[in-house]
């Protein structure tokens, strides 16, 4: 479990296709603190650390993950949002995030607002029942509040700190982003569908 509060960014050093899997090597200041088998959120995707060497580590995304996320689009030099698993005796500053991305969305607009930024995203309409006005979403691993929600679009406002310390600064119209919808909404939707 994660909180959607990004600890740092890593830089993709290399990607290597191995069958249906993608091995990703990342350079990060937190690499020295990681250990093999540890879970780390990468743009909101929970992946297991498979190797650590100096200031780099490796992880593997399987075919299922590559189909539902934007990790297959990663190239050397790109920045990745990183968060280690939450500690259960600490504050949850974001919201409960599983690191299980539901789908990808697309940035359709980005507007500077004199010190903050307004982004609008499009998402698959089949997930419309999981989004509520002023609800939570995890976008590339970042816990955010959504507004102006429709059956296929939503907006987020980004403060300067989040813009500077996450990879949302690189998101432009047309960019693909990972989306994980609020787990509480998913449980409610499931219960309602079972009762129908």
N, C-alpha and C. Protein backbone atom coordinates (compact mmCIF):
# COMPACT_ATOMS: atom_id res chain seq x y z
N UNK A 1 0.84 -1.19 0.00
CA UNK A 1 0.00 0.00 0.00
C UNK A 1 0.89 1.25 0.00
N UNK A 2 0.35 2.30 -0.63
CA UNK A 2 1.06 3.57 -0.74
C UNK A 2 0.11 4.71 -0.36
N UNK A 3 0.62 5.92 -0.37
CA UNK A 3 -0.21 7.07 -0.02
C UNK A 3 -0.39 8.06 -1.16
N UNK A 4 0.40 7.92 -2.23
CA UNK A 4 0.32 8.87 -3.32
C UNK A 4 1.11 10.14 -3.07
N UNK A 5 1.93 10.13 -2.04
CA UNK A 5 2.82 11.26 -1.76
C UNK A 5 4.21 10.87 -2.27
N UNK A 6 4.64 11.49 -3.35
CA UNK A 6 5.87 11.12 -4.03
C UNK A 6 7.08 11.48 -3.17
N UNK A 7 7.98 10.51 -2.99
CA UNK A 7 9.19 10.75 -2.21
C UNK A 7 10.27 11.42 -3.04
N UNK A 8 10.43 10.95 -4.25
CA UNK A 8 11.49 11.47 -5.11
C UNK A 8 11.19 11.04 -6.55
N UNK A 9 12.01 11.52 -7.47
CA UNK A 9 11.94 11.06 -8.85
C UNK A 9 13.19 10.24 -9.15
N UNK A 10 13.03 9.27 -10.01
CA UNK A 10 14.17 8.52 -10.50
C UNK A 10 14.31 8.78 -11.99
N UNK A 11 15.46 8.43 -12.52
CA UNK A 11 15.70 8.58 -13.96
C UNK A 11 15.87 7.21 -14.59
N UNK A 12 15.13 6.96 -15.65
CA UNK A 12 15.25 5.69 -16.36
C UNK A 12 16.62 5.65 -17.04
N UNK A 13 17.41 4.64 -16.71
CA UNK A 13 18.73 4.46 -17.31
C UNK A 13 18.62 3.56 -18.54
N UNK A 14 17.83 2.49 -18.41
CA UNK A 14 17.66 1.59 -19.55
C UNK A 14 16.38 0.79 -19.38
N UNK A 15 15.87 0.29 -20.51
CA UNK A 15 14.77 -0.67 -20.51
C UNK A 15 15.18 -1.81 -21.43
N UNK A 16 14.76 -3.02 -21.07
CA UNK A 16 15.14 -4.19 -21.86
C UNK A 16 13.96 -5.15 -21.92
N UNK A 17 13.48 -5.44 -23.12
CA UNK A 17 12.38 -6.39 -23.30
C UNK A 17 12.92 -7.80 -23.15
N UNK A 18 12.27 -8.59 -22.32
CA UNK A 18 12.65 -9.99 -22.10
C UNK A 18 11.37 -10.81 -22.19
N UNK A 19 11.11 -11.36 -23.36
CA UNK A 19 9.83 -12.04 -23.58
C UNK A 19 8.72 -11.01 -23.48
N UNK A 20 7.71 -11.30 -22.67
CA UNK A 20 6.60 -10.36 -22.47
C UNK A 20 6.87 -9.35 -21.38
N UNK A 21 8.02 -9.44 -20.72
CA UNK A 21 8.34 -8.56 -19.60
C UNK A 21 9.27 -7.43 -20.02
N UNK A 22 9.26 -6.35 -19.23
CA UNK A 22 10.16 -5.23 -19.45
C UNK A 22 10.99 -5.02 -18.20
N UNK A 23 12.32 -5.17 -18.32
CA UNK A 23 13.23 -4.90 -17.20
C UNK A 23 13.63 -3.43 -17.28
N UNK A 24 13.47 -2.73 -16.17
CA UNK A 24 13.72 -1.30 -16.12
C UNK A 24 14.82 -1.03 -15.10
N UNK A 25 15.84 -0.28 -15.49
CA UNK A 25 16.90 0.13 -14.57
C UNK A 25 16.72 1.62 -14.31
N UNK A 26 16.72 1.97 -13.02
CA UNK A 26 16.44 3.35 -12.60
C UNK A 26 17.55 3.85 -11.69
N UNK A 27 17.95 5.09 -11.93
CA UNK A 27 18.91 5.77 -11.06
C UNK A 27 18.12 6.64 -10.09
N UNK A 28 18.43 6.49 -8.79
CA UNK A 28 17.69 7.25 -7.78
C UNK A 28 18.50 7.41 -6.51
N UNK A 29 18.30 8.52 -5.85
CA UNK A 29 18.95 8.77 -4.57
C UNK A 29 18.52 7.75 -3.52
N UNK A 30 17.34 7.16 -3.69
CA UNK A 30 16.86 6.20 -2.70
C UNK A 30 17.37 4.78 -2.95
N UNK A 31 18.07 4.55 -4.06
CA UNK A 31 18.50 3.20 -4.42
C UNK A 31 19.29 2.52 -3.30
N UNK A 32 20.18 3.25 -2.66
CA UNK A 32 21.01 2.67 -1.60
C UNK A 32 20.20 2.21 -0.40
N UNK A 33 18.98 2.73 -0.25
CA UNK A 33 18.12 2.35 0.87
C UNK A 33 17.20 1.18 0.52
N UNK A 34 17.20 0.78 -0.74
CA UNK A 34 16.30 -0.29 -1.18
C UNK A 34 16.93 -1.65 -0.98
N UNK A 35 16.08 -2.67 -0.95
CA UNK A 35 16.56 -4.04 -0.89
C UNK A 35 15.75 -4.88 -1.87
N UNK A 36 16.33 -5.98 -2.28
CA UNK A 36 15.65 -6.89 -3.20
C UNK A 36 14.37 -7.40 -2.56
N UNK A 37 13.31 -7.50 -3.34
CA UNK A 37 11.95 -7.92 -2.94
C UNK A 37 11.11 -6.79 -2.36
N UNK A 38 11.65 -5.59 -2.26
CA UNK A 38 10.91 -4.46 -1.72
C UNK A 38 9.95 -3.92 -2.79
N UNK A 39 8.77 -3.46 -2.37
CA UNK A 39 7.80 -2.86 -3.28
C UNK A 39 8.02 -1.36 -3.37
N UNK A 40 8.04 -0.86 -4.60
CA UNK A 40 8.18 0.58 -4.85
C UNK A 40 7.16 0.96 -5.91
N UNK A 41 6.51 2.10 -5.71
CA UNK A 41 5.57 2.63 -6.69
C UNK A 41 6.34 3.41 -7.74
N UNK A 42 6.13 3.07 -9.01
CA UNK A 42 6.77 3.72 -10.15
C UNK A 42 5.66 4.34 -10.99
N UNK A 43 5.52 5.66 -10.96
CA UNK A 43 4.40 6.32 -11.64
C UNK A 43 3.08 5.68 -11.24
N UNK A 44 3.00 5.27 -9.97
CA UNK A 44 1.78 4.69 -9.45
C UNK A 44 1.66 3.19 -9.61
N UNK A 45 2.65 2.53 -10.17
CA UNK A 45 2.62 1.09 -10.40
C UNK A 45 3.52 0.40 -9.38
N UNK A 46 2.95 -0.51 -8.60
CA UNK A 46 3.73 -1.25 -7.62
C UNK A 46 4.57 -2.30 -8.34
N UNK A 47 5.90 -2.16 -8.23
CA UNK A 47 6.83 -3.12 -8.82
C UNK A 47 7.82 -3.57 -7.75
N UNK A 48 8.35 -4.78 -7.91
CA UNK A 48 9.30 -5.33 -6.96
C UNK A 48 10.73 -5.05 -7.40
N UNK A 49 11.55 -4.63 -6.46
CA UNK A 49 12.97 -4.41 -6.72
C UNK A 49 13.62 -5.77 -6.91
N UNK A 50 14.31 -5.95 -8.05
CA UNK A 50 14.95 -7.25 -8.34
C UNK A 50 16.46 -7.20 -8.24
N UNK A 51 17.03 -6.00 -8.17
CA UNK A 51 18.48 -5.87 -8.03
C UNK A 51 18.84 -4.44 -7.65
N UNK A 52 19.91 -4.29 -6.87
CA UNK A 52 20.38 -2.97 -6.46
C UNK A 52 21.88 -2.92 -6.66
N UNK A 53 22.37 -1.83 -7.28
CA UNK A 53 23.81 -1.66 -7.48
C UNK A 53 24.13 -0.18 -7.42
N UNK A 54 24.77 0.24 -6.33
CA UNK A 54 25.13 1.66 -6.17
C UNK A 54 23.90 2.54 -6.14
N UNK A 55 23.85 3.50 -7.06
CA UNK A 55 22.71 4.42 -7.09
C UNK A 55 21.67 4.02 -8.13
N UNK A 56 21.71 2.75 -8.56
CA UNK A 56 20.70 2.26 -9.50
C UNK A 56 20.06 0.98 -8.96
N UNK A 57 18.87 0.70 -9.45
CA UNK A 57 18.21 -0.56 -9.13
C UNK A 57 17.40 -1.01 -10.34
N UNK A 58 17.04 -2.28 -10.34
CA UNK A 58 16.24 -2.82 -11.44
C UNK A 58 14.92 -3.34 -10.91
N UNK A 59 13.95 -3.37 -11.81
CA UNK A 59 12.62 -3.88 -11.51
C UNK A 59 12.05 -4.43 -12.80
N UNK A 60 11.02 -5.24 -12.71
CA UNK A 60 10.44 -5.87 -13.89
C UNK A 60 8.94 -5.63 -13.94
N UNK A 61 8.46 -5.20 -15.11
CA UNK A 61 7.02 -5.06 -15.35
C UNK A 61 6.59 -6.21 -16.26
N UNK A 62 5.59 -6.97 -15.83
CA UNK A 62 5.11 -8.11 -16.62
C UNK A 62 4.12 -7.63 -17.68
N UNK A 63 3.77 -8.53 -18.59
CA UNK A 63 2.91 -8.18 -19.72
C UNK A 63 1.59 -7.55 -19.28
N UNK A 64 0.95 -8.10 -18.25
CA UNK A 64 -0.32 -7.55 -17.75
C UNK A 64 -0.17 -6.10 -17.34
N UNK A 65 0.93 -5.79 -16.65
CA UNK A 65 1.20 -4.42 -16.22
C UNK A 65 1.43 -3.51 -17.43
N UNK A 66 2.16 -3.99 -18.40
CA UNK A 66 2.46 -3.19 -19.58
C UNK A 66 1.20 -2.89 -20.39
N UNK A 67 0.23 -3.79 -20.36
CA UNK A 67 -1.03 -3.57 -21.09
C UNK A 67 -1.90 -2.50 -20.45
N UNK A 68 -1.82 -2.35 -19.12
CA UNK A 68 -2.73 -1.45 -18.41
C UNK A 68 -2.10 -0.13 -17.98
N UNK A 69 -0.80 0.03 -18.22
CA UNK A 69 -0.10 1.24 -17.75
C UNK A 69 0.70 1.87 -18.88
N UNK A 70 1.37 2.99 -18.55
CA UNK A 70 2.22 3.64 -19.54
C UNK A 70 3.69 3.26 -19.39
N UNK A 71 4.01 2.26 -18.57
CA UNK A 71 5.41 1.91 -18.33
C UNK A 71 6.12 1.42 -19.59
N UNK A 72 5.39 0.83 -20.51
CA UNK A 72 5.99 0.38 -21.76
C UNK A 72 6.47 1.52 -22.64
N UNK A 73 6.06 2.74 -22.33
CA UNK A 73 6.47 3.92 -23.10
C UNK A 73 7.74 4.57 -22.53
N UNK A 74 8.23 4.05 -21.39
CA UNK A 74 9.41 4.65 -20.77
C UNK A 74 10.64 4.53 -21.67
N UNK A 75 11.44 5.59 -21.69
CA UNK A 75 12.69 5.61 -22.45
C UNK A 75 13.79 6.18 -21.56
N UNK A 76 15.06 5.87 -21.84
CA UNK A 76 16.16 6.41 -21.05
C UNK A 76 16.09 7.93 -20.97
N UNK A 77 16.33 8.43 -19.76
CA UNK A 77 16.31 9.87 -19.52
C UNK A 77 15.00 10.36 -18.93
N UNK A 78 13.93 9.58 -19.07
CA UNK A 78 12.64 10.01 -18.52
C UNK A 78 12.65 9.94 -17.00
N UNK A 79 11.88 10.82 -16.38
CA UNK A 79 11.73 10.85 -14.93
C UNK A 79 10.53 10.02 -14.52
N UNK A 80 10.68 9.30 -13.40
CA UNK A 80 9.64 8.44 -12.87
C UNK A 80 9.36 8.86 -11.43
N UNK A 81 8.08 9.00 -11.07
CA UNK A 81 7.70 9.28 -9.68
C UNK A 81 7.88 8.03 -8.84
N UNK A 82 8.54 8.17 -7.68
CA UNK A 82 8.84 7.02 -6.82
C UNK A 82 8.29 7.21 -5.42
N UNK A 83 7.75 6.14 -4.87
CA UNK A 83 7.31 6.13 -3.47
C UNK A 83 7.49 4.72 -2.93
N UNK A 84 8.12 4.61 -1.76
CA UNK A 84 8.21 3.31 -1.10
C UNK A 84 6.88 3.01 -0.40
N UNK A 85 6.66 1.74 -0.08
CA UNK A 85 5.42 1.33 0.58
C UNK A 85 5.24 2.10 1.89
N UNK A 86 3.98 2.34 2.23
CA UNK A 86 3.67 3.11 3.44
C UNK A 86 4.02 2.33 4.70
N UNK A 87 4.23 3.07 5.77
CA UNK A 87 4.46 2.50 7.09
C UNK A 87 3.16 2.69 7.85
N UNK A 88 2.62 1.63 8.42
CA UNK A 88 1.28 1.71 9.01
C UNK A 88 1.20 2.48 10.32
N UNK A 89 2.31 2.86 10.89
CA UNK A 89 2.24 3.67 12.11
C UNK A 89 2.55 5.13 11.82
N UNK A 90 2.36 5.55 10.57
CA UNK A 90 2.64 6.93 10.18
C UNK A 90 1.36 7.57 9.62
N UNK A 91 1.39 8.89 9.48
CA UNK A 91 0.26 9.61 8.90
C UNK A 91 0.09 9.23 7.44
N UNK A 92 -1.15 9.22 6.99
CA UNK A 92 -1.44 9.03 5.57
C UNK A 92 -1.77 10.41 5.02
N UNK A 93 -0.79 11.05 4.39
CA UNK A 93 -0.99 12.41 3.91
C UNK A 93 -1.76 12.48 2.59
N UNK A 94 -1.80 11.39 1.84
CA UNK A 94 -2.55 11.36 0.59
C UNK A 94 -3.84 10.58 0.81
N UNK A 95 -3.96 9.45 0.12
CA UNK A 95 -5.07 8.52 0.35
C UNK A 95 -4.54 7.11 0.14
N UNK A 96 -5.33 6.09 0.47
CA UNK A 96 -4.87 4.72 0.32
C UNK A 96 -4.76 4.36 -1.15
N UNK A 97 -3.55 4.00 -1.55
CA UNK A 97 -3.23 3.68 -2.95
C UNK A 97 -2.64 2.27 -2.97
N UNK A 98 -3.14 1.42 -3.86
CA UNK A 98 -2.64 0.05 -3.92
C UNK A 98 -1.42 -0.10 -4.82
N UNK A 99 -1.25 0.78 -5.78
CA UNK A 99 -0.19 0.61 -6.76
C UNK A 99 -0.63 -0.31 -7.88
N UNK A 100 -1.95 -0.53 -7.97
CA UNK A 100 -2.54 -1.37 -9.01
C UNK A 100 -3.29 -0.46 -9.98
N UNK A 101 -2.62 -0.03 -11.00
CA UNK A 101 -3.19 0.93 -11.96
C UNK A 101 -4.37 0.29 -12.69
N UNK A 102 -5.47 1.05 -12.79
CA UNK A 102 -6.68 0.56 -13.44
C UNK A 102 -6.66 0.74 -14.95
N UNK A 103 -6.10 1.86 -15.39
CA UNK A 103 -6.10 2.19 -16.81
C UNK A 103 -5.18 3.39 -17.03
N UNK A 104 -5.06 3.78 -18.27
CA UNK A 104 -4.35 5.02 -18.58
C UNK A 104 -5.35 6.06 -19.05
N UNK A 105 -4.98 7.32 -18.91
CA UNK A 105 -5.75 8.44 -19.41
C UNK A 105 -4.84 9.28 -20.28
N UNK A 106 -5.41 10.34 -20.85
CA UNK A 106 -4.66 11.22 -21.74
C UNK A 106 -4.86 12.66 -21.31
N UNK A 107 -3.76 13.39 -21.24
CA UNK A 107 -3.84 14.83 -20.95
C UNK A 107 -4.45 15.52 -22.17
N UNK A 108 -5.49 16.33 -21.95
CA UNK A 108 -6.09 17.05 -23.07
C UNK A 108 -5.87 18.55 -22.98
N UNK A 109 -5.46 19.04 -21.80
CA UNK A 109 -5.07 20.45 -21.72
C UNK A 109 -4.23 20.70 -20.48
N UNK A 110 -3.40 21.73 -20.58
CA UNK A 110 -2.53 22.16 -19.48
C UNK A 110 -2.50 23.68 -19.53
N UNK A 111 -2.84 24.30 -18.41
CA UNK A 111 -2.95 25.76 -18.38
C UNK A 111 -2.24 26.31 -17.15
N UNK A 112 -1.32 27.24 -17.37
CA UNK A 112 -0.65 27.91 -16.26
C UNK A 112 -1.61 28.93 -15.68
N UNK A 113 -1.69 28.97 -14.34
CA UNK A 113 -2.62 29.89 -13.68
C UNK A 113 -1.90 30.78 -12.67
N UNK A 114 -0.81 31.41 -13.13
CA UNK A 114 -0.08 32.37 -12.30
C UNK A 114 0.31 31.78 -10.94
N UNK A 115 1.08 30.70 -10.98
CA UNK A 115 1.56 30.10 -9.74
C UNK A 115 1.06 28.69 -9.52
N UNK A 116 0.05 28.27 -10.24
CA UNK A 116 -0.42 26.89 -10.19
C UNK A 116 -0.72 26.46 -11.62
N UNK A 117 -1.10 25.21 -11.78
CA UNK A 117 -1.38 24.68 -13.11
C UNK A 117 -2.69 23.91 -13.07
N UNK A 118 -3.46 24.05 -14.13
CA UNK A 118 -4.72 23.33 -14.29
C UNK A 118 -4.55 22.32 -15.43
N UNK A 119 -4.74 21.05 -15.10
CA UNK A 119 -4.66 19.99 -16.10
C UNK A 119 -6.04 19.37 -16.28
N UNK A 120 -6.35 19.01 -17.51
CA UNK A 120 -7.59 18.28 -17.80
C UNK A 120 -7.21 16.96 -18.47
N UNK A 121 -7.85 15.89 -18.01
CA UNK A 121 -7.55 14.56 -18.50
C UNK A 121 -8.80 13.86 -19.00
N UNK A 122 -8.61 13.02 -20.00
CA UNK A 122 -9.67 12.18 -20.52
C UNK A 122 -9.40 10.75 -20.05
N UNK A 123 -10.45 10.02 -19.70
CA UNK A 123 -10.29 8.64 -19.24
C UNK A 123 -11.40 7.79 -19.87
N UNK A 124 -11.24 6.46 -19.92
CA UNK A 124 -12.26 5.59 -20.51
C UNK A 124 -13.58 5.69 -19.74
N UNK A 125 -14.67 5.90 -20.45
CA UNK A 125 -15.98 6.09 -19.84
C UNK A 125 -16.46 4.93 -18.99
N UNK A 126 -15.93 3.73 -19.22
CA UNK A 126 -16.35 2.56 -18.44
C UNK A 126 -16.03 2.72 -16.95
N UNK A 127 -15.13 3.67 -16.62
CA UNK A 127 -14.75 3.89 -15.22
C UNK A 127 -15.49 5.07 -14.59
N UNK A 128 -16.45 5.67 -15.29
CA UNK A 128 -17.12 6.89 -14.83
C UNK A 128 -17.74 6.73 -13.44
N UNK A 129 -18.25 5.55 -13.13
CA UNK A 129 -18.88 5.33 -11.83
C UNK A 129 -17.93 5.36 -10.65
N UNK A 130 -16.63 5.40 -10.92
CA UNK A 130 -15.63 5.38 -9.84
C UNK A 130 -15.10 6.77 -9.50
N UNK A 131 -15.52 7.79 -10.24
CA UNK A 131 -15.05 9.14 -9.99
C UNK A 131 -16.17 10.00 -9.44
N UNK A 132 -15.86 10.77 -8.40
CA UNK A 132 -16.83 11.69 -7.82
C UNK A 132 -16.19 13.07 -7.69
N UNK A 133 -17.00 14.09 -7.76
CA UNK A 133 -16.53 15.47 -7.59
C UNK A 133 -15.83 15.62 -6.24
N UNK A 134 -14.64 16.20 -6.27
CA UNK A 134 -13.79 16.41 -5.08
C UNK A 134 -13.32 15.10 -4.47
N UNK A 135 -13.34 14.03 -5.26
CA UNK A 135 -12.83 12.75 -4.79
C UNK A 135 -11.33 12.63 -5.05
N UNK A 136 -10.77 11.49 -4.65
CA UNK A 136 -9.34 11.25 -4.82
C UNK A 136 -9.07 10.40 -6.04
N UNK A 137 -7.90 10.63 -6.63
CA UNK A 137 -7.41 9.80 -7.72
C UNK A 137 -5.90 9.72 -7.57
N UNK A 138 -5.31 8.66 -8.09
CA UNK A 138 -3.86 8.54 -8.12
C UNK A 138 -3.44 8.64 -9.58
N UNK A 139 -2.70 9.69 -9.90
CA UNK A 139 -2.30 10.01 -11.27
C UNK A 139 -0.78 9.94 -11.37
N UNK A 140 -0.26 8.96 -12.10
CA UNK A 140 1.19 8.72 -12.15
C UNK A 140 1.78 8.61 -10.76
N UNK A 141 0.99 8.02 -9.84
CA UNK A 141 1.45 7.81 -8.47
C UNK A 141 1.19 8.96 -7.53
N UNK A 142 0.62 10.07 -8.02
CA UNK A 142 0.39 11.27 -7.21
C UNK A 142 -1.05 11.28 -6.72
N UNK A 143 -1.24 11.40 -5.40
CA UNK A 143 -2.58 11.53 -4.84
C UNK A 143 -3.09 12.94 -5.11
N UNK A 144 -4.22 13.03 -5.83
CA UNK A 144 -4.78 14.33 -6.20
C UNK A 144 -6.28 14.35 -6.00
N UNK A 145 -6.83 15.56 -5.87
CA UNK A 145 -8.27 15.77 -5.80
C UNK A 145 -8.76 16.17 -7.18
N UNK A 146 -9.86 15.55 -7.61
CA UNK A 146 -10.40 15.84 -8.94
C UNK A 146 -11.62 16.75 -8.84
N UNK A 147 -11.88 17.49 -9.91
CA UNK A 147 -13.08 18.34 -9.98
C UNK A 147 -13.49 18.50 -11.44
N UNK A 148 -14.63 19.14 -11.65
CA UNK A 148 -15.22 19.25 -12.99
C UNK A 148 -15.27 17.88 -13.67
N UNK A 149 -15.80 16.91 -12.92
CA UNK A 149 -15.84 15.52 -13.38
C UNK A 149 -17.01 15.31 -14.34
N UNK A 150 -16.73 14.68 -15.48
CA UNK A 150 -17.78 14.25 -16.40
C UNK A 150 -17.63 12.74 -16.59
N UNK A 151 -18.40 12.16 -17.48
CA UNK A 151 -18.31 10.72 -17.71
C UNK A 151 -17.08 10.31 -18.50
N UNK A 152 -16.25 11.27 -18.90
CA UNK A 152 -15.04 10.90 -19.63
C UNK A 152 -13.86 11.84 -19.36
N UNK A 153 -14.04 12.87 -18.52
CA UNK A 153 -12.98 13.84 -18.26
C UNK A 153 -13.00 14.30 -16.80
N UNK A 154 -11.85 14.80 -16.35
CA UNK A 154 -11.76 15.43 -15.03
C UNK A 154 -10.60 16.41 -15.05
N UNK A 155 -10.58 17.29 -14.06
CA UNK A 155 -9.50 18.27 -13.93
C UNK A 155 -8.81 18.10 -12.59
N UNK A 156 -7.55 18.53 -12.54
CA UNK A 156 -6.79 18.61 -11.28
C UNK A 156 -6.03 19.93 -11.27
N UNK A 157 -5.89 20.49 -10.09
CA UNK A 157 -5.08 21.71 -9.91
C UNK A 157 -3.79 21.30 -9.23
N UNK A 158 -2.67 21.79 -9.73
CA UNK A 158 -1.35 21.40 -9.24
C UNK A 158 -0.66 22.59 -8.59
N UNK A 159 -0.25 22.43 -7.34
CA UNK A 159 0.48 23.48 -6.63
C UNK A 159 1.95 23.46 -7.06
N UNK A 160 2.66 24.56 -6.83
CA UNK A 160 4.07 24.62 -7.25
C UNK A 160 4.95 23.49 -6.72
N UNK A 161 4.76 23.09 -5.47
CA UNK A 161 5.60 22.03 -4.90
C UNK A 161 5.43 20.72 -5.68
N UNK A 162 4.19 20.33 -5.92
CA UNK A 162 3.92 19.10 -6.66
C UNK A 162 4.47 19.20 -8.08
N UNK A 163 4.31 20.36 -8.70
CA UNK A 163 4.81 20.56 -10.06
C UNK A 163 6.33 20.40 -10.11
N UNK A 164 7.01 20.96 -9.13
CA UNK A 164 8.48 20.93 -9.14
C UNK A 164 9.06 19.57 -8.79
N UNK A 165 8.41 18.83 -7.89
CA UNK A 165 9.02 17.61 -7.36
C UNK A 165 8.42 16.31 -7.90
N UNK A 166 7.57 16.39 -8.93
CA UNK A 166 7.04 15.18 -9.57
C UNK A 166 7.18 15.33 -11.08
N UNK A 167 6.90 14.25 -11.78
CA UNK A 167 7.02 14.31 -13.23
C UNK A 167 5.79 14.89 -13.92
N UNK A 168 4.86 15.46 -13.16
CA UNK A 168 3.71 16.10 -13.81
C UNK A 168 4.17 17.33 -14.59
N UNK A 169 5.33 17.86 -14.23
CA UNK A 169 5.87 19.01 -14.98
C UNK A 169 6.14 18.67 -16.44
N UNK A 170 6.30 17.38 -16.76
CA UNK A 170 6.59 16.97 -18.13
C UNK A 170 5.33 16.55 -18.90
N UNK A 171 4.19 16.56 -18.24
CA UNK A 171 2.94 16.14 -18.88
C UNK A 171 2.41 17.28 -19.75
N UNK A 172 2.17 16.96 -21.01
CA UNK A 172 1.65 17.91 -21.99
C UNK A 172 0.41 17.30 -22.64
N UNK A 173 -0.40 18.10 -23.34
CA UNK A 173 -1.52 17.50 -24.07
C UNK A 173 -1.04 16.37 -24.98
N UNK A 174 -1.72 15.24 -24.88
CA UNK A 174 -1.35 14.04 -25.63
C UNK A 174 -0.58 13.03 -24.79
N UNK A 175 -0.03 13.45 -23.63
CA UNK A 175 0.72 12.53 -22.77
C UNK A 175 -0.20 11.47 -22.16
N UNK A 176 0.32 10.26 -22.05
CA UNK A 176 -0.39 9.16 -21.39
C UNK A 176 -0.04 9.17 -19.91
N UNK A 177 -1.05 8.98 -19.05
CA UNK A 177 -0.82 8.96 -17.60
C UNK A 177 -1.49 7.73 -17.00
N UNK A 178 -0.89 7.20 -15.92
CA UNK A 178 -1.46 6.06 -15.21
C UNK A 178 -2.53 6.54 -14.24
N UNK A 179 -3.65 5.83 -14.19
CA UNK A 179 -4.75 6.17 -13.29
C UNK A 179 -5.10 5.00 -12.39
N UNK A 180 -5.14 5.26 -11.09
CA UNK A 180 -5.70 4.30 -10.13
C UNK A 180 -6.83 5.01 -9.42
N UNK A 181 -8.02 4.44 -9.52
CA UNK A 181 -9.20 5.04 -8.89
C UNK A 181 -9.26 4.65 -7.43
N UNK A 182 -9.96 5.45 -6.65
CA UNK A 182 -10.04 5.28 -5.20
C UNK A 182 -10.58 3.89 -4.85
N UNK A 183 -9.85 3.17 -4.01
CA UNK A 183 -10.22 1.81 -3.63
C UNK A 183 -11.58 1.76 -2.94
N UNK A 184 -11.93 2.79 -2.18
CA UNK A 184 -13.23 2.79 -1.51
C UNK A 184 -14.36 2.83 -2.54
N UNK A 185 -14.19 3.63 -3.58
CA UNK A 185 -15.18 3.70 -4.64
C UNK A 185 -15.31 2.36 -5.36
N UNK A 186 -14.19 1.67 -5.53
CA UNK A 186 -14.22 0.37 -6.21
C UNK A 186 -14.99 -0.66 -5.39
N UNK A 187 -14.80 -0.63 -4.06
CA UNK A 187 -15.53 -1.57 -3.21
C UNK A 187 -17.03 -1.27 -3.23
N UNK A 188 -17.40 0.00 -3.19
CA UNK A 188 -18.82 0.37 -3.24
C UNK A 188 -19.43 -0.07 -4.56
N UNK A 189 -18.74 0.20 -5.67
CA UNK A 189 -19.25 -0.18 -6.99
C UNK A 189 -19.42 -1.70 -7.07
N UNK A 190 -18.48 -2.43 -6.52
CA UNK A 190 -18.56 -3.90 -6.55
C UNK A 190 -19.76 -4.40 -5.75
N UNK A 191 -19.97 -3.84 -4.56
CA UNK A 191 -21.10 -4.25 -3.74
C UNK A 191 -22.43 -3.96 -4.43
N UNK A 192 -22.53 -2.81 -5.05
CA UNK A 192 -23.76 -2.47 -5.76
C UNK A 192 -24.00 -3.40 -6.95
N UNK A 193 -22.93 -3.79 -7.66
CA UNK A 193 -23.11 -4.68 -8.81
C UNK A 193 -23.51 -6.08 -8.37
N UNK A 194 -23.01 -6.53 -7.21
CA UNK A 194 -23.34 -7.87 -6.69
C UNK A 194 -24.81 -7.92 -6.27
N UNK A 195 -25.32 -6.81 -5.74
CA UNK A 195 -26.69 -6.77 -5.26
C UNK A 195 -27.71 -6.63 -6.39
N UNK A 196 -27.24 -6.22 -7.56
CA UNK A 196 -28.16 -6.01 -8.69
C UNK A 196 -28.67 -7.31 -9.26
